Amino acid sequence: MKSKNITIKEIAKKLGISVSTVSRALHDAFDVNQETRKKVLALAEQLEYKPNPFAIGLVKQQTKIIGVLLPEIATHYFSTVVKGIQDVAYHVGYNVMFFISDESYEREKTIVKNLSTNMLDGLLISVSIETINSDHIRKLLDQGMPLIFFDRYLADLPISRVIQDDYRGAYNITTHLIQQGYQRIAHLAGPKHMEMAIRRMQGYIDALRDAKIPIRKEYIIHSGFSQEDGIKDVSKLLAVQPLPEAIFAVNDRKAIGAMMTLKKSGYRLPDDMALAGFTNAPISEAVEPGLTTIEQSAYQIGTTSCRMLLDRIKSPDQPPQTIIMPSILIIRESSKKKSLK
């Protein structure tokens, strides 16, 4: 009778041999004769035996499982990153275990605290929006667990990372708005402490400086990454005088929130206000007008970070490195050239 939960102990009992012999036969050990190995493998196949990765880890010091700690999974960006990670991991026989912090530092810290170096071969990390302190991740690093940051990272830790070219993407999209004739350009920024948001804001600032356009502090509003944040941020901008002529949002979700509020307030895009985002989420093409944005290499970030982690598992003494993925400007109607009045 077949069993989905068959163990090597049951196989040993049926064949009248020791558990250690069954284990060695399943792992192709040199000291098991061919006849015994054939009997073990045949019965294991008949009973649909599935090896326990944690039990294998005790023998090989490997679980064949990698973890992925990320802030959320419902967005198109992170779900695409996850697809890239899974495709690489499964191709080489690794399973993937996901941990979602839900943008909470406390939850992220609890997840990391409960992880064991015997549980995973390595961990991919994208930190929460609240994460500033790195002590919890440093403990994993000190324990010898292979770690790779992707997208969001903590700069004070010597950990390899795969990130977007946030600075160049922001610089290019701001320059595009300037070239379209806009001078008063606002930025709906991310959290002040987050490296990714800092790089995007710096790209925006440097593009304005290079064009000899004054930096207006009242045109820079910091908050989170949600559509609701975009709604709140643009409401604050509409109280600023003079009004900005264009808005660059740190991501598409904030840009969409801004677009909704501008339309409800009677503004026409781009005639009254131009708008640009960052991500190239599917909705950016579906809205009216289509949203000018920066295409992020989400799938490639997933595949690249997973390969980097697998390499570090094999060679843990590699020095930290940073891989920066290119950002591509996607021009749509929301940033159409300013009309002359």
Protein backbone atom coordinates (compact mmCIF):
# COMPACT_ATOMS: atom_id res chain seq x y z
CA MET A 1 0.00 0.00 0.00
CA LYS A 2 1.36 3.38 -0.97
CA SER A 3 1.93 6.09 1.62
CA LYS A 4 2.62 9.71 1.05
CA ASN A 5 4.43 9.96 4.37
CA ILE A 6 6.66 6.91 4.07
CA THR A 7 9.92 7.12 6.02
CA ILE A 8 13.27 5.39 5.61
CA LYS A 9 12.53 3.57 8.87
CA GLU A 10 9.52 1.89 7.22
CA ILE A 11 11.57 1.01 4.14
CA ALA A 12 14.24 -0.52 6.40
CA LYS A 13 11.63 -2.55 8.27
CA LYS A 14 10.08 -3.94 5.07
CA LEU A 15 13.48 -4.96 3.69
CA GLY A 16 14.85 -6.24 7.00
CA ILE A 17 17.90 -3.96 6.92
CA SER A 18 19.13 -1.08 9.06
CA VAL A 19 17.96 2.51 8.72
CA SER A 20 21.53 3.62 8.13
CA THR A 21 21.86 1.18 5.23
CA VAL A 22 18.68 2.54 3.63
CA SER A 23 19.95 6.10 4.10
CA ARG A 24 23.33 5.29 2.55
CA ALA A 25 21.66 3.48 -0.37
CA LEU A 26 19.40 6.47 -1.08
CA HIS A 27 22.45 8.74 -1.02
CA ASP A 28 24.48 6.42 -3.27
CA ALA A 29 27.14 5.69 -0.65
CA PHE A 30 30.10 3.61 -1.85
CA ASP A 31 29.80 0.94 0.89
CA VAL A 32 26.34 -0.35 -0.13
CA ASN A 33 26.28 -3.27 -2.58
CA GLN A 34 24.40 -2.91 -5.84
CA GLU A 35 21.73 -5.52 -5.05
CA THR A 36 20.76 -3.82 -1.78
CA ARG A 37 20.77 -0.42 -3.44
CA LYS A 38 18.43 -1.66 -6.21
CA LYS A 39 16.01 -3.13 -3.66
CA VAL A 40 15.97 0.10 -1.64
CA LEU A 41 15.44 2.32 -4.68
CA ALA A 42 12.74 0.03 -6.11
CA LEU A 43 10.77 -0.04 -2.85
CA ALA A 44 11.21 3.69 -2.35
CA GLU A 45 9.77 4.31 -5.81
CA GLN A 46 6.92 1.86 -5.24
CA LEU A 47 5.96 3.53 -1.95
CA GLU A 48 6.43 7.03 -3.42
CA TYR A 49 9.02 7.88 -0.81
CA LYS A 50 9.85 11.60 -0.70
CA PRO A 51 13.03 12.57 1.12
CA ASN A 52 12.78 14.99 4.01
CA PRO A 53 15.03 17.94 3.14
CA PHE A 54 15.72 18.62 6.81
CA ALA A 55 16.81 15.03 7.36
CA ILE A 56 19.07 15.27 4.31
CA GLY A 57 20.53 18.41 5.80
CA LEU A 58 21.75 16.43 8.80
CA VAL A 59 23.74 14.20 6.47
CA LYS A 60 24.91 16.67 3.83
CA GLN A 61 24.81 19.86 5.91
CA GLN A 62 22.38 21.15 3.30
CA THR A 63 18.59 21.45 3.26
CA LYS A 64 18.23 22.33 -0.45
CA ILE A 65 15.94 25.13 0.73
CA ILE A 66 16.53 28.85 0.39
CA GLY A 67 14.48 31.50 2.13
CA VAL A 68 13.13 34.76 0.75
CA LEU A 69 12.29 37.55 3.19
CA LEU A 70 10.36 40.33 1.48
CA PRO A 71 8.07 43.19 2.56
CA GLU A 72 5.07 42.17 0.46
CA ILE A 73 4.10 39.84 -2.35
CA ALA A 74 0.82 41.26 -3.67
CA THR A 75 2.42 43.92 -5.89
CA HIS A 76 3.33 43.18 -9.50
CA TYR A 77 6.95 44.12 -8.84
CA PHE A 78 7.60 41.71 -5.97
CA SER A 79 5.54 38.90 -7.49
CA THR A 80 7.68 39.19 -10.63
CA VAL A 81 10.89 39.11 -8.55
CA VAL A 82 9.57 35.98 -6.82
CA LYS A 83 8.91 34.34 -10.21
CA GLY A 84 12.55 34.92 -11.16
CA ILE A 85 13.80 33.46 -7.87
CA GLN A 86 11.60 30.38 -8.18
CA ASP A 87 12.57 29.69 -11.78
CA VAL A 88 16.28 29.59 -10.92
CA ALA A 89 15.91 27.74 -7.63
CA TYR A 90 13.64 24.98 -8.89
CA HIS A 91 15.81 24.44 -11.98
CA VAL A 92 18.73 23.41 -9.76
CA GLY A 93 16.69 21.34 -7.30
CA TYR A 94 16.12 23.92 -4.56
CA ASN A 95 12.85 24.63 -2.83
CA VAL A 96 11.92 28.16 -1.76
CA MET A 97 10.40 29.22 1.55
CA PHE A 98 8.83 32.68 1.71
CA PHE A 99 8.58 34.99 4.70
CA ILE A 100 6.51 38.20 4.45
CA SER A 101 7.25 41.08 6.82
CA ASP A 102 4.17 43.06 5.69
CA GLU A 103 6.32 46.22 5.79
CA SER A 104 6.78 45.77 9.56
CA TYR A 105 10.21 45.98 11.22
CA GLU A 106 8.96 44.10 14.28
CA ARG A 107 7.58 41.27 12.18
CA GLU A 108 10.77 41.15 10.12
CA LYS A 109 12.83 40.99 13.32
CA THR A 110 10.66 38.15 14.69
CA ILE A 111 10.95 36.18 11.45
CA VAL A 112 14.74 36.49 11.46
CA LYS A 113 14.95 35.61 15.17
CA ASN A 114 13.06 32.36 14.55
CA LEU A 115 15.21 31.32 11.60
CA SER A 116 17.86 28.68 12.12
CA THR A 117 21.04 28.14 10.14
CA ASN A 118 20.03 24.44 10.00
CA MET A 119 16.69 25.36 8.46
CA LEU A 120 17.91 27.10 5.30
CA ASP A 121 20.98 26.99 3.07
CA GLY A 122 20.72 30.75 2.51
CA LEU A 123 18.42 33.75 2.60
CA LEU A 124 17.45 36.48 0.12
CA ILE A 125 16.35 39.70 1.84
CA SER A 126 14.45 42.83 0.89
CA VAL A 127 13.90 44.85 4.05
CA SER A 128 10.67 46.46 5.23
CA ILE A 129 9.87 50.14 4.88
CA GLU A 130 10.36 50.55 8.66
CA THR A 131 13.75 48.84 8.90
CA ILE A 132 16.62 51.06 9.99
CA ASN A 133 18.43 48.94 12.59
CA SER A 134 20.41 46.03 11.12
CA ASP A 135 21.24 44.07 14.31
CA HIS A 136 18.81 41.22 13.58
CA ILE A 137 20.28 40.57 10.14
CA ARG A 138 23.84 41.01 11.40
CA LYS A 139 23.24 38.08 13.77
CA LEU A 140 22.43 35.81 10.83
CA LEU A 141 25.55 37.06 9.06
CA ASP A 142 27.68 36.34 12.15
CA GLN A 143 26.21 32.83 12.32
CA GLY A 144 27.53 32.17 8.83
CA MET A 145 24.24 32.03 6.91
CA PRO A 146 24.73 33.06 3.24
CA LEU A 147 22.75 36.26 2.67
CA ILE A 148 21.95 38.42 -0.36
CA PHE A 149 20.00 41.68 -0.44
CA PHE A 150 17.73 42.45 -3.37
CA ASP A 151 16.04 45.77 -4.23
CA ARG A 152 16.02 47.15 -0.66
CA TYR A 153 19.13 46.82 1.49
CA LEU A 154 20.96 48.10 4.57
CA ALA A 155 24.15 49.89 3.56
CA ASP A 156 26.01 49.25 6.82
CA LEU A 157 26.18 45.47 6.30
CA PRO A 158 28.89 43.80 4.13
CA ILE A 159 26.34 41.76 2.17
CA SER A 160 26.16 41.40 -1.62
CA ARG A 161 23.16 43.04 -3.25
CA VAL A 162 21.25 43.14 -6.52
CA ILE A 163 19.57 46.51 -7.03
CA GLN A 164 18.00 48.73 -9.63
CA ASP A 165 19.87 51.71 -11.04
CA ASP A 166 17.58 53.96 -9.04
CA TYR A 167 19.78 57.04 -9.31
CA ARG A 168 20.15 56.93 -13.11
CA GLY A 169 16.48 56.10 -13.62
CA ALA A 170 15.38 59.08 -11.51
CA TYR A 171 17.92 61.36 -13.18
CA ASN A 172 16.76 60.34 -16.64
CA ILE A 173 13.05 60.72 -15.96
CA THR A 174 13.54 64.13 -14.34
CA THR A 175 15.70 65.22 -17.28
CA HIS A 176 12.95 64.05 -19.62
CA LEU A 177 10.43 66.27 -17.83
CA ILE A 178 12.84 69.20 -18.08
CA GLN A 179 13.31 68.58 -21.79
CA GLN A 180 9.53 68.62 -22.20
CA GLY A 181 9.57 72.22 -21.00
CA TYR A 182 8.75 71.80 -17.30
CA GLN A 183 10.67 73.81 -14.70
CA ARG A 184 8.66 73.47 -11.48
CA ILE A 185 8.99 69.74 -10.89
CA ALA A 186 7.89 68.17 -7.60
CA HIS A 187 8.96 64.81 -6.18
CA LEU A 188 6.73 62.46 -4.19
CA ALA A 189 9.61 60.76 -2.38
CA GLY A 190 9.89 57.60 -0.32
CA PRO A 191 11.01 57.30 3.32
CA LYS A 192 13.98 59.51 4.21
CA HIS A 193 16.00 56.58 5.64
CA MET A 194 15.58 54.07 2.80
CA GLU A 195 18.56 53.69 0.45
CA MET A 196 16.45 53.09 -2.65
CA ALA A 197 14.34 56.20 -2.02
CA ILE A 198 17.46 58.26 -1.24
CA ARG A 199 19.05 57.29 -4.56
CA ARG A 200 15.91 58.20 -6.52
CA MET A 201 15.62 61.55 -4.77
CA GLN A 202 19.29 62.27 -5.42
CA GLY A 203 18.84 61.53 -9.13
CA TYR A 204 15.93 63.98 -9.20
CA ILE A 205 17.94 66.67 -7.37
CA ASP A 206 21.04 66.28 -9.53
CA ALA A 207 19.01 66.48 -12.75
CA LEU A 208 17.51 69.79 -11.58
CA ARG A 209 20.92 71.13 -10.53
CA ASP A 210 22.52 70.19 -13.84
CA ALA A 211 19.73 72.07 -15.61
CA LYS A 212 20.31 75.09 -13.31
CA ILE A 213 16.80 74.76 -11.86
CA PRO A 214 16.45 75.72 -8.17
CA ILE A 215 15.64 72.95 -5.68
CA ARG A 216 12.42 73.79 -3.84
CA LYS A 217 12.12 71.93 -0.52
CA GLU A 218 8.36 72.42 -0.51
CA TYR A 219 8.19 70.39 -3.73
CA ILE A 220 9.68 67.29 -2.04
CA ILE A 221 7.26 65.27 0.10
CA HIS A 222 8.33 62.08 1.90
CA SER A 223 6.03 59.18 2.79
CA GLY A 224 5.53 55.51 1.95
CA PHE A 225 5.06 53.67 -1.34
CA SER A 226 1.30 53.06 -1.45
CA GLN A 227 -1.41 54.54 -3.63
CA GLU A 228 -2.91 56.08 -0.49
CA ASP A 229 0.43 57.83 0.16
CA GLY A 230 0.26 59.30 -3.34
CA ILE A 231 -3.25 60.63 -2.67
CA LYS A 232 -2.15 62.30 0.57
CA ASP A 233 1.10 63.65 -0.87
CA VAL A 234 -0.45 65.32 -3.90
CA SER A 235 -3.13 66.87 -1.70
CA LYS A 236 -0.30 68.59 0.19
CA LEU A 237 1.32 69.69 -3.07
CA LEU A 238 -1.87 71.36 -4.24
CA ALA A 239 -1.61 73.71 -1.27
CA VAL A 240 1.86 74.90 -2.35
CA GLN A 241 2.27 78.10 -4.33
CA PRO A 242 3.28 78.36 -7.04
CA LEU A 243 1.89 74.98 -8.06
CA PRO A 244 4.34 72.53 -9.63
CA GLU A 245 4.03 71.98 -13.37
CA ALA A 246 5.06 68.32 -13.18
CA ILE A 247 5.37 65.55 -10.59
CA PHE A 248 7.83 62.67 -10.42
CA ALA A 249 6.67 59.96 -7.99
CA VAL A 250 9.07 57.47 -6.40
CA ASN A 251 6.98 54.57 -7.74
CA ASP A 252 3.95 53.93 -9.94
CA ARG A 253 1.57 53.26 -7.06
CA LYS A 254 2.14 56.74 -5.66
CA ALA A 255 1.87 58.19 -9.16
CA ILE A 256 -1.51 56.50 -9.67
CA GLY A 257 -2.73 57.88 -6.34
CA ALA A 258 -1.58 61.32 -7.44
CA MET A 259 -3.30 60.92 -10.81
CA MET A 260 -6.62 60.00 -9.15
CA THR A 261 -6.49 63.04 -6.87
CA LEU A 262 -5.50 65.44 -9.64
CA LYS A 263 -8.38 64.27 -11.82
CA LYS A 264 -10.87 64.56 -8.96
CA SER A 265 -9.58 68.08 -8.33
CA GLY A 266 -10.28 69.06 -11.94
CA TYR A 267 -6.72 68.98 -13.29
CA ARG A 268 -6.11 67.68 -16.81
CA LEU A 269 -3.04 65.51 -17.40
CA PRO A 270 -0.67 66.54 -18.86
CA ASP A 271 -2.22 69.89 -19.89
CA ASP A 272 -2.42 71.23 -16.33
CA MET A 273 0.10 68.94 -14.65
CA ALA A 274 2.52 66.37 -16.07
CA LEU A 275 3.18 63.16 -14.15
CA ALA A 276 5.79 60.38 -14.09
CA GLY A 277 6.39 57.28 -11.95
CA PHE A 278 8.92 54.50 -11.49
CA THR A 279 8.38 50.70 -11.93
CA ASN A 280 6.38 50.23 -15.15
CA ALA A 281 3.65 48.25 -13.41
CA PRO A 282 0.91 46.96 -15.76
CA ILE A 283 -1.50 49.66 -14.56
CA SER A 284 0.84 52.40 -15.82
CA GLU A 285 -0.08 51.46 -19.39
CA ALA A 286 -3.77 50.90 -18.64
CA VAL A 287 -4.56 54.30 -17.09
CA GLU A 288 -5.55 57.37 -19.08
CA PRO A 289 -3.29 59.07 -19.90
CA GLY A 290 -0.65 56.36 -20.00
CA LEU A 291 1.96 56.93 -17.29
CA THR A 292 5.54 57.81 -18.19
CA THR A 293 7.74 55.68 -15.95
CA ILE A 294 10.99 53.75 -15.48
CA GLU A 295 10.96 50.06 -16.27
CA GLN A 296 12.50 47.98 -13.48
CA SER A 297 14.17 44.65 -14.21
CA ALA A 298 12.08 42.78 -11.62
CA TYR A 299 12.40 39.28 -13.10
CA GLN A 300 16.13 39.75 -13.72
CA ILE A 301 16.62 40.98 -10.16
CA GLY A 302 15.00 37.74 -8.99
CA THR A 303 17.07 35.44 -11.19
CA THR A 304 20.33 37.30 -10.58
CA SER A 305 19.95 37.49 -6.80
CA CYS A 306 19.06 33.79 -6.61
CA ARG A 307 22.09 32.77 -8.68
CA MET A 308 24.28 35.00 -6.52
CA LEU A 309 22.95 33.31 -3.36
CA LEU A 310 23.53 29.82 -4.79
CA ASP A 311 27.11 30.82 -5.66
CA ARG A 312 27.63 32.11 -2.12
CA ILE A 313 26.29 28.85 -0.67
CA LYS A 314 28.95 26.99 -2.67
CA SER A 315 31.71 29.56 -2.00
CA PRO A 316 30.89 31.41 1.25
CA ASP A 317 34.19 33.33 1.36
CA GLN A 318 33.47 35.47 -1.71
CA PRO A 319 33.84 39.23 -1.08
CA PRO A 320 30.61 41.27 -1.16
CA GLN A 321 29.61 42.67 -4.53
CA THR A 322 26.89 44.93 -5.92
CA ILE A 323 25.08 44.26 -9.18
CA ILE A 324 23.12 47.20 -10.57
CA MET A 325 20.38 46.46 -13.09
CA PRO A 326 19.68 49.04 -15.83
CA SER A 327 16.65 51.35 -15.66
CA ILE A 328 14.80 52.06 -18.90
CA LEU A 329 12.76 55.22 -19.55
CA ILE A 330 9.26 54.48 -20.86
CA ILE A 331 7.63 57.62 -22.29
CA ARG A 332 3.83 57.83 -22.42
CA GLU A 333 1.18 60.56 -22.65
CA SER A 334 1.31 61.73 -19.01
CA SER A 335 4.54 63.69 -19.66
CA LYS A 336 3.66 65.13 -23.05
CA LYS A 337 5.51 68.30 -23.98
CA LYS A 338 4.32 71.40 -22.21
CA SER A 339 2.07 73.47 -24.46
CA LEU A 340 3.00 77.09 -25.07
CA LYS A 341 0.41 79.54 -23.79
